[in-house]
């Protein structure tokens, strides 16, 4: 993902989380905010309580890949923050893919 498609600024990140609608399921919480741009921006958040740095980076790589695969399911001109929920032991790629797709269908 190119840097213009990523939300990294802490203030923007927190603003999206605090002031906008969200949808959640067993694995994810998806925050959305309109951004008045012609493209989407994404942010991924994962708690340090979930595992060590290697595991967290592995999950983030999987989420980035899922975003690339399912980019057409996202509505245009939105900022998205994807938070990974803790408490689930099985973060298999196929399960994450199915859960993210079902969550995106709810946003439509």
Protein backbone atom coordinates (compact mmCIF):
# COMPACT_ATOMS: atom_id res chain seq x y z
CA UNK A 1 0.00 0.00 0.00
CA UNK A 2 1.30 3.45 -0.85
CA UNK A 3 1.70 5.98 1.93
CA UNK A 4 -1.13 8.17 0.65
CA UNK A 5 -3.53 5.28 1.32
CA UNK A 6 -2.48 4.91 4.97
CA UNK A 7 -3.72 6.80 8.04
CA UNK A 8 -0.69 7.19 10.30
CA UNK A 9 -1.16 10.50 12.05
CA UNK A 10 -2.17 9.88 15.66
CA UNK A 11 -4.64 12.77 15.76
CA UNK A 12 -6.42 11.66 12.58
CA UNK A 13 -6.41 8.07 13.79
CA UNK A 14 -7.98 9.00 17.14
CA UNK A 15 -10.45 11.40 15.49
CA UNK A 16 -11.77 8.61 13.27
CA UNK A 17 -12.15 6.29 16.24
CA UNK A 18 -13.79 8.77 18.62
CA UNK A 19 -16.27 10.58 16.40
CA UNK A 20 -17.58 8.15 13.82
CA UNK A 21 -19.72 5.07 13.33
CA UNK A 22 -18.37 1.57 13.61
CA UNK A 23 -19.32 -2.01 12.89
CA UNK A 24 -17.95 -5.02 14.71
CA UNK A 25 -17.94 -8.79 14.64
CA UNK A 26 -15.98 -11.52 16.42
CA UNK A 27 -12.60 -10.58 14.92
CA UNK A 28 -12.73 -6.92 13.85
CA UNK A 29 -14.01 -3.47 14.69
CA UNK A 30 -14.28 -1.29 11.58
CA UNK A 31 -14.46 2.50 12.01
CA UNK A 32 -15.46 4.63 9.00
CA UNK A 33 -15.34 8.33 8.20
CA UNK A 34 -15.86 10.20 4.93
CA UNK A 35 -12.67 11.90 3.77
CA UNK A 36 -13.72 13.99 0.69
CA UNK A 37 -10.94 12.42 -1.39
CA UNK A 38 -11.18 10.20 -4.45
CA UNK A 39 -9.56 7.27 -2.68
CA UNK A 40 -9.75 5.33 0.57
CA UNK A 41 -7.25 5.46 3.40
CA UNK A 42 -6.69 2.63 5.86
CA UNK A 43 -5.30 2.22 9.34
CA UNK A 44 -4.71 -1.03 11.21
CA UNK A 45 -4.67 -1.22 15.00
CA UNK A 46 -3.76 -4.22 17.09
CA UNK A 47 -3.30 -4.35 20.86
CA UNK A 48 0.00 -5.28 22.45
CA UNK A 49 -1.95 -7.66 24.65
CA UNK A 50 -2.64 -9.89 21.66
CA UNK A 51 0.85 -11.33 21.30
CA UNK A 52 4.47 -10.57 20.70
CA UNK A 53 5.67 -8.20 17.94
CA UNK A 54 6.25 -10.99 15.45
CA UNK A 55 2.67 -12.24 15.80
CA UNK A 56 1.18 -8.72 15.61
CA UNK A 57 3.16 -7.91 12.45
CA UNK A 58 2.05 -11.20 10.90
CA UNK A 59 -1.60 -10.31 11.53
CA UNK A 60 -1.09 -6.79 10.11
CA UNK A 61 0.48 -8.23 6.94
CA UNK A 62 -2.52 -10.52 6.55
CA UNK A 63 -4.94 -7.63 7.02
CA UNK A 64 -3.08 -5.50 4.44
CA UNK A 65 -3.26 -8.39 1.98
CA UNK A 66 -6.99 -8.81 2.66
CA UNK A 67 -7.52 -5.10 1.99
CA UNK A 68 -5.76 -5.42 -1.37
CA UNK A 69 -7.81 -8.49 -2.31
CA UNK A 70 -11.14 -6.95 -1.29
CA UNK A 71 -10.58 -3.32 -2.27
CA UNK A 72 -13.75 -3.27 -4.38
CA UNK A 73 -15.92 -4.09 -1.35
CA UNK A 74 -14.89 -0.85 0.39
CA UNK A 75 -16.98 2.27 -0.30
CA UNK A 76 -15.06 5.07 -2.02
CA UNK A 77 -13.90 8.25 -0.28
CA UNK A 78 -13.71 6.86 3.25
CA UNK A 79 -11.08 6.53 5.93
CA UNK A 80 -11.16 3.10 7.55
CA UNK A 81 -9.60 1.98 10.81
CA UNK A 82 -9.53 -1.80 11.26
CA UNK A 83 -9.00 -2.92 14.84
CA UNK A 84 -8.32 -6.56 15.58
CA UNK A 85 -10.20 -7.86 18.59
CA UNK A 86 -8.44 -10.05 21.10
CA UNK A 87 -9.71 -13.20 22.67
CA UNK A 88 -9.74 -15.40 19.58
CA UNK A 89 -6.99 -17.99 19.28
CA UNK A 90 -7.42 -18.90 15.62
CA UNK A 91 -6.26 -16.09 13.32
CA UNK A 92 -6.18 -18.29 10.23
CA UNK A 93 -6.03 -16.38 6.93
CA UNK A 94 -9.20 -17.97 5.52
CA UNK A 95 -11.18 -17.23 8.68
CA UNK A 96 -9.97 -13.60 8.71
CA UNK A 97 -10.91 -13.27 5.04
CA UNK A 98 -14.42 -14.59 5.61
CA UNK A 99 -14.99 -12.38 8.66
CA UNK A 100 -13.72 -9.23 6.93
CA UNK A 101 -15.87 -9.86 3.87
CA UNK A 102 -18.96 -10.37 6.01
CA UNK A 103 -18.19 -7.16 7.89
CA UNK A 104 -17.79 -5.20 4.65
CA UNK A 105 -21.12 -6.49 3.34
CA UNK A 106 -22.78 -4.98 6.41
CA UNK A 107 -21.36 -1.55 5.57
CA UNK A 108 -23.18 -1.37 2.23
